[in-house]
Amino acid sequence: MDMAMDESLSPLAQPGSSDQQQIASASILLQIVMLGLAFVLGHVLRRHKIYYINEASASLLLGLFVGFVANVSNTEAHFRQWFNFHEEFFLLFLLPPIIFESGFSLQPKPFFSNFGAICIFAILGTFITSIVTGVLVYLGGIFFLMYRLPFHESIMYGALISATDPVSVLAIFQELGTDVNLYALVFGESVLNDAVAISLYRTLLAVKNHPLETHGFMSAIWSFLEIFVGSLSSGVGVALICALLFKYSGLAVHGLQNLECCLVVLFPYFSYMLAEGLGLSGIVAILFCGILMKHYTFPNLSEGAQAFTSGFFQLISSLAETFVFIYMGMDIAIKSHSWSHVGFIFFSIVFIVMARAANVFPCARLVNMLRPASRQIPMNHQKALWFSGLRGAMAFALALQAVHDLPNNHGEIIFTATTAIVVLTVLVIGGSTSTMLEKLDVVGEANGNSMILDGDDEEMEGLTTNSDDGHDDNGFDNGHMDPLTQKFQELRKRYC
């Protein structure tokens, strides 16, 4: 039995080999160097205001270059396997700090003022994108335009490719100072959309693997709603427990800054793992945990703990986000792909553009029907939303999982198409974002309407104080604030 266990360990996990340790050290050293280079490149690009190559594009290109060199130089397999993208590593270690910091640094007013619209785009819109993409891919196969996938697998492909990741677009939005409502819609949709795409993909996979145990479409919808509400509740619950702990424990008073910092750092990861362990969505849980911890827990910390946690979460998020694109680039260059199915790749790109339009414009029309005239989503904002549907690490991770989930080489074909779409959207669409914003006339004063708090700005008054003219600090009329937002403000005043 011991021998079987030893054989099951990968060469990287065997402690006795000094060669393996040397290879591991060299691989990690190279990745550290690439991270440093990526941050320097990002600084240079920002300083010179070069928007057609953004930080995400630079990191992806850097990873592609290093992976390509490692591939053509016939380096040892043990060395190259350190560059392989593992979806479990991404979902469990890289994604949580990125999502949490997004919520932790978020101003709640624009987010919750647009929460209804965000849910429509993220939930209904993602369903529309998945179905339209899947049906078009299936029909494309029937009419011999592309490789033919079974209908169920076509819908699964539509679900995984519907996961958007507009990180580079949002960075440029923030840099150029776009409208705060537009930023809120793009940001909110992208975060919740990831959770919807994962849940939908897993539901479709369960239906495929256990068709006799399912009870139809409505059962799948109900299951998704249970997951979403349960995830939100778990994240909110953990955040409120954390807030009450720090409010009444007196850690800040007794000078226990070390303990404060340790607990604050552990609570977000606890919320993510709790949700995942219960079969819920860790993304939704940790997002709302971050939003509530910032406004309920943060004021109850000592000044030293506040300074540390703000800097720490921002640091870890930046490292994880940059490494994700380097990680993807290396994996894309090293892995073998089914590039023979060019038609599948080309028409997949065409179909996701069409599906994005079928998502954004009808959903925006629905939102405008439910909103007063003063809060309509203008057409230039709708076009910006349509343009912002980049695919990134989430779609890439789900496609990599599809390689193991789908038979007959179908997973490899889907993975290759997704790889091409990710590279194209990050490099081309991400690089042309600034031009798009100028053409659509949605650019304001730089950094004037940012929805994300600056890491150096620890002032809380700007988030809670209303001006005398009846509008809040982000320009929203309090008379139009929905009941959820009003309740949020009441809770904040009570517990902070």
Protein backbone atom coordinates (compact mmCIF):
# COMPACT_ATOMS: atom_id res chain seq x y z
CA MET A 1 0.00 0.00 0.00
CA ASP A 2 2.86 2.36 0.84
CA MET A 3 4.46 1.63 -2.52
CA ALA A 4 1.20 2.45 -4.28
CA MET A 5 1.00 5.73 -2.46
CA ASP A 6 4.59 6.60 -3.39
CA GLU A 7 3.89 5.84 -7.04
CA SER A 8 0.79 8.01 -7.00
CA LEU A 9 2.82 11.04 -5.94
CA SER A 10 3.99 13.24 -8.79
CA PRO A 11 7.73 13.72 -9.20
CA LEU A 12 7.33 17.24 -7.87
CA ALA A 13 5.94 15.92 -4.60
CA GLN A 14 8.74 13.41 -3.89
CA PRO A 15 10.97 14.95 -1.24
CA GLY A 16 14.02 12.76 -1.80
CA SER A 17 15.12 14.08 -5.16
CA SER A 18 17.43 17.09 -5.05
CA ASP A 19 17.06 17.43 -8.84
CA GLN A 20 13.31 17.88 -8.48
CA GLN A 21 13.80 20.51 -5.80
CA GLN A 22 16.27 22.34 -8.01
CA ILE A 23 13.83 22.29 -10.94
CA ALA A 24 11.02 23.49 -8.69
CA SER A 25 13.17 26.33 -7.35
CA ALA A 26 14.21 27.40 -10.86
CA SER A 27 10.59 27.33 -12.06
CA ILE A 28 9.33 29.40 -9.14
CA LEU A 29 12.24 31.82 -9.52
CA LEU A 30 11.33 32.34 -13.19
CA GLN A 31 7.71 33.02 -12.27
CA ILE A 32 8.79 35.54 -9.61
CA VAL A 33 10.95 37.32 -12.20
CA MET A 34 8.01 37.41 -14.63
CA LEU A 35 5.75 38.85 -11.93
CA GLY A 36 8.28 41.59 -11.25
CA LEU A 37 8.63 42.34 -14.97
CA ALA A 38 4.85 42.45 -15.38
CA PHE A 39 4.49 45.03 -12.59
CA VAL A 40 7.29 47.17 -14.06
CA LEU A 41 5.70 46.94 -17.52
CA GLY A 42 2.33 47.90 -16.06
CA HIS A 43 3.85 50.94 -14.37
CA VAL A 44 5.54 52.04 -17.61
CA LEU A 45 2.31 51.60 -19.59
CA ARG A 46 0.31 53.60 -17.06
CA ARG A 47 2.92 56.33 -16.77
CA HIS A 48 3.05 56.86 -20.52
CA LYS A 49 -0.73 56.36 -20.87
CA ILE A 50 -0.36 53.55 -23.39
CA TYR A 51 -3.86 52.06 -23.44
CA TYR A 52 -3.67 49.82 -26.52
CA ILE A 53 -1.43 47.46 -24.51
CA ASN A 54 -2.82 47.20 -21.00
CA GLU A 55 -1.40 45.40 -17.98
CA ALA A 56 -3.44 42.25 -18.59
CA SER A 57 -2.29 42.10 -22.22
CA ALA A 58 1.34 42.66 -21.22
CA SER A 59 1.16 39.89 -18.60
CA LEU A 60 -0.50 37.50 -21.06
CA LEU A 61 2.10 38.24 -23.75
CA LEU A 62 4.92 37.78 -21.25
CA GLY A 63 3.53 34.38 -20.25
CA LEU A 64 3.08 33.39 -23.90
CA PHE A 65 6.67 34.34 -24.71
CA VAL A 66 8.22 32.44 -21.78
CA GLY A 67 5.99 29.42 -22.38
CA PHE A 68 6.90 29.41 -26.08
CA VAL A 69 10.63 29.57 -25.29
CA ALA A 70 10.27 26.75 -22.75
CA ASN A 71 8.39 24.68 -25.33
CA VAL A 72 10.73 25.10 -28.29
CA SER A 73 13.89 24.74 -26.20
CA ASN A 74 12.83 21.21 -25.21
CA THR A 75 13.24 21.86 -21.50
CA GLU A 76 12.59 18.97 -19.14
CA ALA A 77 8.98 17.87 -18.71
CA HIS A 78 9.29 18.33 -14.95
CA PHE A 79 10.24 21.96 -15.52
CA ARG A 80 7.44 22.64 -18.00
CA GLN A 81 4.73 21.08 -15.86
CA TRP A 82 5.20 23.87 -13.34
CA PHE A 83 3.77 26.15 -16.03
CA ASN A 84 0.56 24.13 -16.51
CA PHE A 85 -2.67 25.90 -15.55
CA HIS A 86 -4.61 23.95 -12.91
CA GLU A 87 -8.24 25.00 -12.56
CA GLU A 88 -8.33 23.90 -8.90
CA PHE A 89 -5.37 26.14 -8.05
CA PHE A 90 -7.03 29.04 -9.84
CA LEU A 91 -10.46 28.58 -8.25
CA LEU A 92 -9.21 27.89 -4.71
CA PHE A 93 -6.18 30.16 -4.36
CA LEU A 94 -5.98 32.84 -7.07
CA LEU A 95 -9.62 33.79 -7.55
CA PRO A 96 -10.74 34.39 -3.91
CA PRO A 97 -8.40 37.34 -3.15
CA ILE A 98 -9.29 39.00 -6.47
CA ILE A 99 -13.04 38.80 -5.84
CA PHE A 100 -12.79 39.74 -2.17
CA GLU A 101 -10.69 42.85 -2.82
CA SER A 102 -13.16 43.90 -5.52
CA GLY A 103 -15.91 43.88 -2.92
CA PHE A 104 -13.74 45.28 -0.12
CA SER A 105 -12.65 48.32 -2.15
CA LEU A 106 -16.08 48.91 -3.65
CA GLN A 107 -18.30 51.89 -2.96
CA PRO A 108 -21.69 50.32 -2.16
CA LYS A 109 -23.97 53.14 -3.31
CA PRO A 110 -23.51 52.83 -7.09
CA PHE A 111 -23.41 49.03 -6.83
CA PHE A 112 -26.65 48.68 -4.86
CA SER A 113 -28.37 51.52 -6.71
CA ASN A 114 -27.88 49.42 -9.86
CA PHE A 115 -28.25 46.03 -8.17
CA GLY A 116 -31.52 45.15 -9.89
CA ALA A 117 -30.05 45.92 -13.32
CA ILE A 118 -26.86 44.03 -12.45
CA CYS A 119 -28.89 40.93 -11.54
CA ILE A 120 -30.84 41.15 -14.80
CA PHE A 121 -27.63 41.35 -16.87
CA ALA A 122 -25.74 38.77 -14.78
CA ILE A 123 -28.49 36.16 -14.33
CA LEU A 124 -31.00 36.55 -17.17
CA GLY A 125 -28.32 37.85 -19.53
CA THR A 126 -25.96 34.96 -18.86
CA PHE A 127 -28.77 32.47 -19.48
CA ILE A 128 -29.53 34.22 -22.78
CA THR A 129 -25.85 34.23 -23.81
CA SER A 130 -25.45 30.55 -22.93
CA ILE A 131 -28.56 29.41 -24.79
CA VAL A 132 -27.98 31.59 -27.87
CA THR A 133 -24.31 30.58 -28.13
CA GLY A 134 -25.10 26.90 -27.60
CA VAL A 135 -27.93 26.83 -30.14
CA LEU A 136 -25.87 28.70 -32.75
CA VAL A 137 -22.91 26.34 -32.24
CA TYR A 138 -25.22 23.34 -32.60
CA LEU A 139 -26.85 24.74 -35.76
CA GLY A 140 -23.41 25.64 -37.13
CA GLY A 141 -22.46 21.98 -36.80
CA ILE A 142 -25.67 20.81 -38.48
CA PHE A 143 -25.06 23.12 -41.47
CA PHE A 144 -21.39 22.03 -41.72
CA LEU A 145 -20.00 25.46 -40.80
CA MET A 146 -17.98 24.02 -37.93
CA TYR A 147 -17.24 20.83 -36.02
CA ARG A 148 -20.52 19.32 -34.84
CA LEU A 149 -21.08 18.96 -31.10
CA PRO A 150 -24.07 17.21 -29.50
CA PHE A 151 -26.80 19.64 -28.39
CA HIS A 152 -26.15 19.19 -24.67
CA GLU A 153 -22.41 19.76 -25.07
CA SER A 154 -23.10 22.81 -27.24
CA ILE A 155 -25.12 24.34 -24.40
CA MET A 156 -22.34 23.45 -21.94
CA TYR A 157 -19.89 25.25 -24.23
CA GLY A 158 -22.26 28.23 -24.31
CA ALA A 159 -22.35 28.25 -20.50
CA LEU A 160 -18.58 28.21 -19.98
CA ILE A 161 -17.82 30.75 -22.70
CA SER A 162 -20.43 33.13 -21.27
CA ALA A 163 -18.16 33.84 -18.26
CA THR A 164 -16.83 37.37 -18.78
CA ASP A 165 -13.67 38.86 -17.27
CA PRO A 166 -13.35 42.55 -18.24
CA VAL A 167 -10.47 43.27 -15.85
CA SER A 168 -8.48 45.22 -18.45
CA VAL A 169 -11.58 47.15 -19.55
CA LEU A 170 -12.42 48.09 -15.96
CA ALA A 171 -8.86 49.30 -15.36
CA ILE A 172 -9.14 51.65 -18.33
CA PHE A 173 -12.66 52.69 -17.25
CA GLN A 174 -11.20 53.73 -13.91
CA GLU A 175 -8.16 55.42 -15.43
CA LEU A 176 -10.19 57.51 -17.87
CA GLY A 177 -12.99 58.26 -15.41
CA THR A 178 -16.11 56.82 -17.04
CA ASP A 179 -19.61 57.20 -15.63
CA VAL A 180 -19.91 55.51 -12.23
CA ASN A 181 -23.19 53.79 -13.18
CA LEU A 182 -21.61 52.26 -16.28
CA TYR A 183 -18.66 51.06 -14.19
CA ALA A 184 -21.07 49.56 -11.65
CA LEU A 185 -22.98 47.67 -14.35
CA VAL A 186 -19.86 46.25 -16.03
CA PHE A 187 -18.18 45.36 -12.74
CA GLY A 188 -21.28 43.89 -11.08
CA GLU A 189 -22.28 41.87 -14.12
CA SER A 190 -18.79 40.40 -14.54
CA VAL A 191 -18.51 39.24 -10.91
CA LEU A 192 -22.00 37.73 -10.60
CA ASN A 193 -21.82 36.42 -14.16
CA ASP A 194 -18.85 34.22 -13.20
CA ALA A 195 -20.90 32.62 -10.43
CA VAL A 196 -23.84 32.08 -12.79
CA ALA A 197 -21.62 30.57 -15.50
CA ILE A 198 -19.99 28.14 -13.05
CA SER A 199 -23.34 27.11 -11.57
CA LEU A 200 -24.90 26.67 -15.00
CA TYR A 201 -21.97 24.62 -16.28
CA ARG A 202 -22.00 22.36 -13.22
CA THR A 203 -25.78 21.93 -13.46
CA LEU A 204 -25.55 20.95 -17.14
CA LEU A 205 -22.71 18.55 -16.36
CA ALA A 206 -24.81 16.92 -13.62
CA VAL A 207 -27.72 16.56 -16.06
CA LYS A 208 -25.37 14.97 -18.60
CA ASN A 209 -23.85 12.51 -16.12
CA HIS A 210 -27.08 11.63 -14.28
CA PRO A 211 -29.99 12.21 -16.68
CA LEU A 212 -32.40 9.95 -14.77
CA GLU A 213 -31.95 11.88 -11.52
CA THR A 214 -33.01 15.27 -12.92
CA HIS A 215 -36.54 16.63 -13.00
CA GLY A 216 -36.53 19.04 -15.89
CA PHE A 217 -35.63 22.60 -16.66
CA MET A 218 -37.56 24.23 -13.80
CA SER A 219 -35.75 22.03 -11.31
CA ALA A 220 -32.42 23.28 -12.64
CA ILE A 221 -33.60 26.90 -12.36
CA TRP A 222 -34.75 26.34 -8.78
CA SER A 223 -31.44 24.67 -7.94
CA PHE A 224 -29.56 27.67 -9.29
CA LEU A 225 -31.67 30.12 -7.26
CA GLU A 226 -31.04 28.07 -4.12
CA ILE A 227 -27.30 28.21 -4.77
CA PHE A 228 -27.33 31.97 -5.39
CA VAL A 229 -29.43 32.88 -2.35
CA GLY A 230 -27.54 30.42 -0.15
CA SER A 231 -24.18 31.80 -1.28
CA LEU A 232 -25.24 35.38 -0.66
CA SER A 233 -26.59 34.45 2.78
CA SER A 234 -23.42 32.61 3.79
CA GLY A 235 -21.20 35.53 2.76
CA VAL A 236 -23.40 38.07 4.55
CA GLY A 237 -23.59 35.84 7.64
CA VAL A 238 -19.82 35.42 7.92
CA ALA A 239 -19.29 39.17 7.44
CA LEU A 240 -21.81 40.07 10.15
CA ILE A 241 -20.29 37.56 12.59
CA CYS A 242 -16.88 39.11 11.87
CA ALA A 243 -18.27 42.62 12.44
CA LEU A 244 -19.90 41.67 15.75
CA LEU A 245 -16.73 39.90 16.90
CA PHE A 246 -14.56 42.96 16.35
CA LYS A 247 -17.19 45.36 17.70
CA TYR A 248 -17.61 43.62 21.07
CA SER A 249 -14.33 41.74 21.62
CA GLY A 250 -12.28 44.88 22.28
CA LEU A 251 -9.26 43.65 20.30
CA ALA A 252 -8.54 47.18 19.06
CA VAL A 253 -8.70 48.57 22.62
CA HIS A 254 -6.32 45.98 24.07
CA GLY A 255 -3.68 46.56 21.38
CA LEU A 256 -3.88 43.06 19.91
CA GLN A 257 -3.10 44.21 16.37
CA ASN A 258 -1.46 40.92 15.38
CA LEU A 259 -4.57 38.96 16.28
CA GLU A 260 -6.82 41.52 14.58
CA CYS A 261 -4.94 41.25 11.30
CA CYS A 262 -4.81 37.44 11.36
CA LEU A 263 -8.56 37.11 11.95
CA VAL A 264 -9.52 39.72 9.35
CA VAL A 265 -7.41 37.95 6.73
CA LEU A 266 -8.88 34.52 7.57
CA PHE A 267 -12.58 35.43 7.60
CA PRO A 268 -12.91 36.06 3.82
CA TYR A 269 -11.27 32.76 2.93
CA PHE A 270 -13.50 31.06 5.49
CA SER A 271 -16.60 32.45 3.74
CA TYR A 272 -15.36 31.22 0.34
CA MET A 273 -14.54 27.71 1.55
CA LEU A 274 -17.75 27.48 3.57
CA ALA A 275 -19.81 28.21 0.47
CA GLU A 276 -17.80 25.84 -1.73
CA GLY A 277 -17.93 23.12 0.92
CA LEU A 278 -21.73 23.41 1.05
CA GLY A 279 -21.97 23.12 -2.74
CA LEU A 280 -22.71 26.84 -3.14
CA SER A 281 -20.87 29.61 -5.00
CA GLY A 282 -17.77 30.88 -3.23
CA ILE A 283 -17.57 33.83 -5.63
CA VAL A 284 -20.92 35.28 -4.55
CA ALA A 285 -20.18 34.56 -0.89
CA ILE A 286 -16.77 36.22 -0.78
CA LEU A 287 -17.91 39.22 -2.86
CA PHE A 288 -20.68 40.16 -0.43
CA CYS A 289 -18.46 39.23 2.50
CA GLY A 290 -15.96 41.80 1.21
CA ILE A 291 -18.58 44.52 0.75
CA LEU A 292 -19.99 44.08 4.25
CA MET A 293 -16.63 43.60 5.99
CA LYS A 294 -15.41 46.91 4.59
CA HIS A 295 -18.37 48.81 6.00
CA TYR A 296 -19.16 46.83 9.17
CA THR A 297 -15.82 45.32 10.28
CA PHE A 298 -13.27 47.86 9.03
CA PRO A 299 -14.41 50.78 11.28
CA ASN A 300 -14.04 48.54 14.35
CA LEU A 301 -10.35 47.82 13.70
CA SER A 302 -7.45 49.73 15.21
CA GLU A 303 -5.72 52.27 12.97
CA GLY A 304 -2.73 49.99 12.49
CA ALA A 305 -4.93 47.04 11.53
CA GLN A 306 -6.89 49.23 9.11
CA ALA A 307 -3.71 50.34 7.37
CA PHE A 308 -2.38 46.77 7.20
CA THR A 309 -5.56 45.10 5.93
CA SER A 310 -6.20 47.71 3.21
CA GLY A 311 -2.67 47.38 1.90
CA PHE A 312 -2.53 43.61 2.29
CA PHE A 313 -5.77 42.86 0.42
CA GLN A 314 -4.78 45.20 -2.40
CA LEU A 315 -1.32 43.64 -2.62
CA ILE A 316 -2.55 40.03 -2.69
CA SER A 317 -5.22 40.88 -5.26
CA SER A 318 -2.70 42.61 -7.56
CA LEU A 319 -0.28 39.69 -7.31
CA ALA A 320 -3.02 37.11 -8.00
CA GLU A 321 -4.55 39.06 -10.88
CA THR A 322 -1.22 39.60 -12.63
CA PHE A 323 -0.13 36.01 -12.06
CA VAL A 324 -3.39 34.68 -13.53
CA PHE A 325 -2.64 36.23 -16.93
CA ILE A 326 1.01 35.12 -16.84
CA TYR A 327 -0.18 31.66 -15.80
CA MET A 328 -2.67 31.51 -18.69
CA GLY A 329 -0.08 32.68 -21.20
CA MET A 330 2.45 30.03 -20.17
CA ASP A 331 -0.16 27.27 -20.27
CA ILE A 332 -1.48 28.33 -23.69
CA ALA A 333 2.04 28.24 -25.16
CA ILE A 334 2.96 24.88 -23.63
CA LYS A 335 -0.21 22.83 -24.12
CA SER A 336 -1.05 21.15 -27.42
CA HIS A 337 -4.18 22.47 -29.12
CA SER A 338 -6.55 21.23 -31.84
CA TRP A 339 -5.81 24.10 -34.23
CA SER A 340 -7.12 22.05 -37.15
CA HIS A 341 -10.69 23.13 -36.30
CA VAL A 342 -10.27 26.70 -37.54
CA GLY A 343 -13.92 26.90 -38.56
CA PHE A 344 -15.05 26.08 -35.03
CA ILE A 345 -12.86 28.86 -33.63
CA PHE A 346 -13.94 31.45 -36.22
CA PHE A 347 -17.67 30.83 -35.92
CA SER A 348 -17.44 30.59 -32.13
CA ILE A 349 -16.10 34.15 -32.11
CA VAL A 350 -18.90 35.31 -34.41
CA PHE A 351 -21.55 33.55 -32.33
CA ILE A 352 -20.42 34.93 -28.96
CA VAL A 353 -20.49 38.46 -30.40
CA MET A 354 -24.07 37.84 -31.57
CA ALA A 355 -25.02 36.25 -28.24
CA ARG A 356 -23.56 39.18 -26.32
CA ALA A 357 -25.76 41.52 -28.34
CA ALA A 358 -28.79 39.28 -27.71
CA ASN A 359 -27.98 39.57 -24.01
CA VAL A 360 -27.17 43.26 -23.54
CA PHE A 361 -29.69 45.13 -25.67
CA PRO A 362 -32.89 43.23 -24.70
CA CYS A 363 -31.85 43.22 -21.02
CA ALA A 364 -31.12 46.96 -21.16
CA ARG A 365 -34.55 47.50 -22.71
CA LEU A 366 -36.13 45.52 -19.87
CA VAL A 367 -34.22 47.56 -17.27
CA ASN A 368 -35.30 50.81 -18.92
CA MET A 369 -38.93 49.68 -18.84
CA LEU A 370 -38.64 49.22 -15.07
CA ARG A 371 -36.76 52.46 -14.39
CA PRO A 372 -37.91 56.10 -14.33
CA ALA A 373 -36.89 58.30 -17.24
CA SER A 374 -34.12 59.94 -15.19
CA ARG A 375 -32.31 56.61 -14.68
CA GLN A 376 -32.46 55.05 -18.14
CA ILE A 377 -29.40 53.27 -19.54
CA PRO A 378 -28.44 55.35 -22.61
CA MET A 379 -27.55 53.67 -25.89
CA ASN A 380 -23.86 54.60 -25.67
CA HIS A 381 -23.68 52.84 -22.28
CA GLN A 382 -25.41 49.80 -23.79
CA LYS A 383 -22.83 49.66 -26.57
CA ALA A 384 -20.02 49.95 -24.00
CA LEU A 385 -21.59 47.06 -22.06
CA TRP A 386 -21.75 44.98 -25.23
CA PHE A 387 -18.12 45.78 -26.03
CA SER A 388 -16.96 44.90 -22.50
CA GLY A 389 -17.70 41.18 -22.72
CA LEU A 390 -14.09 39.99 -22.67
CA ARG A 391 -13.37 36.37 -21.87
CA GLY A 392 -10.63 35.58 -19.40
CA ALA A 393 -9.42 33.24 -16.70
CA MET A 394 -12.85 31.93 -15.63
CA ALA A 395 -13.82 30.77 -19.14
CA PHE A 396 -10.30 29.37 -19.56
CA ALA A 397 -10.53 27.39 -16.29
CA LEU A 398 -13.97 25.97 -17.17
CA ALA A 399 -12.76 25.02 -20.66
CA LEU A 400 -9.79 23.24 -19.11
CA GLN A 401 -12.23 21.36 -16.88
CA ALA A 402 -14.27 20.45 -19.98
CA VAL A 403 -11.24 18.57 -21.33
CA HIS A 404 -11.77 16.05 -18.51
CA ASP A 405 -15.58 16.20 -18.57
CA LEU A 406 -16.38 15.71 -22.27
CA PRO A 407 -15.54 12.62 -24.38
CA ASN A 408 -14.38 12.07 -27.97
CA ASN A 409 -11.90 14.95 -28.03
CA HIS A 410 -14.78 17.43 -27.70
CA GLY A 411 -13.25 18.96 -24.59
CA GLU A 412 -9.95 19.60 -26.41
CA ILE A 413 -11.78 21.35 -29.26
CA ILE A 414 -13.69 23.54 -26.82
CA PHE A 415 -10.49 24.32 -24.92
CA THR A 416 -8.68 25.38 -28.10
CA ALA A 417 -11.55 27.63 -29.18
CA THR A 418 -11.77 29.19 -25.72
CA THR A 419 -8.01 29.79 -25.70
CA ALA A 420 -8.22 31.64 -29.02
CA ILE A 421 -11.20 33.70 -27.80
CA VAL A 422 -9.44 34.66 -24.55
CA VAL A 423 -6.27 35.79 -26.35
CA LEU A 424 -8.23 37.69 -29.01
CA THR A 425 -10.55 39.50 -26.60
CA VAL A 426 -7.83 40.43 -24.09
CA LEU A 427 -5.38 41.69 -26.73
CA VAL A 428 -7.73 43.20 -29.33
CA ILE A 429 -10.82 44.30 -27.40
CA GLY A 430 -8.87 45.20 -24.27
CA GLY A 431 -6.40 47.19 -26.35
CA SER A 432 -9.08 49.13 -28.21
CA THR A 433 -11.14 50.04 -25.12
CA SER A 434 -9.88 53.62 -24.83
CA THR A 435 -10.73 54.29 -28.48
CA MET A 436 -14.17 52.77 -27.96
CA LEU A 437 -14.84 54.95 -24.92
CA GLU A 438 -13.88 58.09 -26.81
CA LYS A 439 -16.05 57.15 -29.81
CA LEU A 440 -19.04 56.47 -27.53
CA ASP A 441 -18.40 59.70 -25.60
CA VAL A 442 -18.46 58.09 -22.15
CA VAL A 443 -15.11 59.44 -20.95
CA GLY A 444 -15.19 61.96 -18.09
CA GLU A 445 -12.52 63.55 -15.96
CA ALA A 446 -9.76 61.09 -15.09
CA ASN A 447 -10.43 59.30 -11.82
CA GLY A 448 -13.26 61.69 -11.08
CA ASN A 449 -16.03 59.14 -10.82
CA SER A 450 -14.16 56.04 -9.76
CA MET A 451 -16.29 53.40 -8.13
CA ILE A 452 -13.29 51.72 -6.53
CA LEU A 453 -11.65 53.38 -3.54
CA ASP A 454 -8.06 54.47 -3.93
CA GLY A 455 -5.80 52.32 -1.78
CA ASP A 456 -4.37 55.44 -0.11
CA ASP A 457 -7.78 56.90 0.74
CA GLU A 458 -9.01 55.70 4.10
CA GLU A 459 -11.68 58.39 4.53
CA MET A 460 -15.06 56.88 5.32
CA GLU A 461 -17.05 60.11 5.41
CA GLY A 462 -17.33 60.27 1.64
CA LEU A 463 -19.21 56.96 1.66
CA THR A 464 -21.82 57.81 4.23
CA THR A 465 -22.48 61.55 4.33
CA ASN A 466 -25.24 63.01 2.19
CA SER A 467 -24.91 66.51 0.81
CA ASP A 468 -27.47 69.18 1.45
CA ASP A 469 -28.97 69.03 -2.01
CA GLY A 470 -30.52 65.61 -1.37
CA HIS A 471 -28.05 63.68 -3.49
CA ASP A 472 -25.46 61.26 -2.24
CA ASP A 473 -21.74 61.60 -2.85
CA ASN A 474 -21.82 59.70 -6.12
CA GLY A 475 -24.54 61.81 -7.67
CA PHE A 476 -27.47 59.46 -6.99
CA ASP A 477 -30.75 60.98 -5.95
CA ASN A 478 -31.72 59.47 -2.60
CA GLY A 479 -35.34 59.65 -3.66
CA HIS A 480 -34.63 57.00 -6.29
CA MET A 481 -32.76 54.71 -3.89
CA ASP A 482 -34.43 51.30 -3.74
CA PRO A 483 -35.54 49.74 -0.40
CA LEU A 484 -32.55 47.37 -0.37
CA THR A 485 -30.13 50.31 -0.47
CA GLN A 486 -32.06 52.19 2.22
CA LYS A 487 -31.99 49.11 4.48
CA PHE A 488 -28.26 48.77 3.87
CA GLN A 489 -27.73 52.37 5.04
CA GLU A 490 -29.84 51.79 8.18
CA LEU A 491 -27.87 48.66 9.09
CA ARG A 492 -24.59 50.45 8.59
CA LYS A 493 -25.56 53.30 10.92
CA ARG A 494 -26.69 50.82 13.57
CA TYR A 495 -23.62 48.56 13.63
CA CYS A 496 -20.79 50.96 12.72
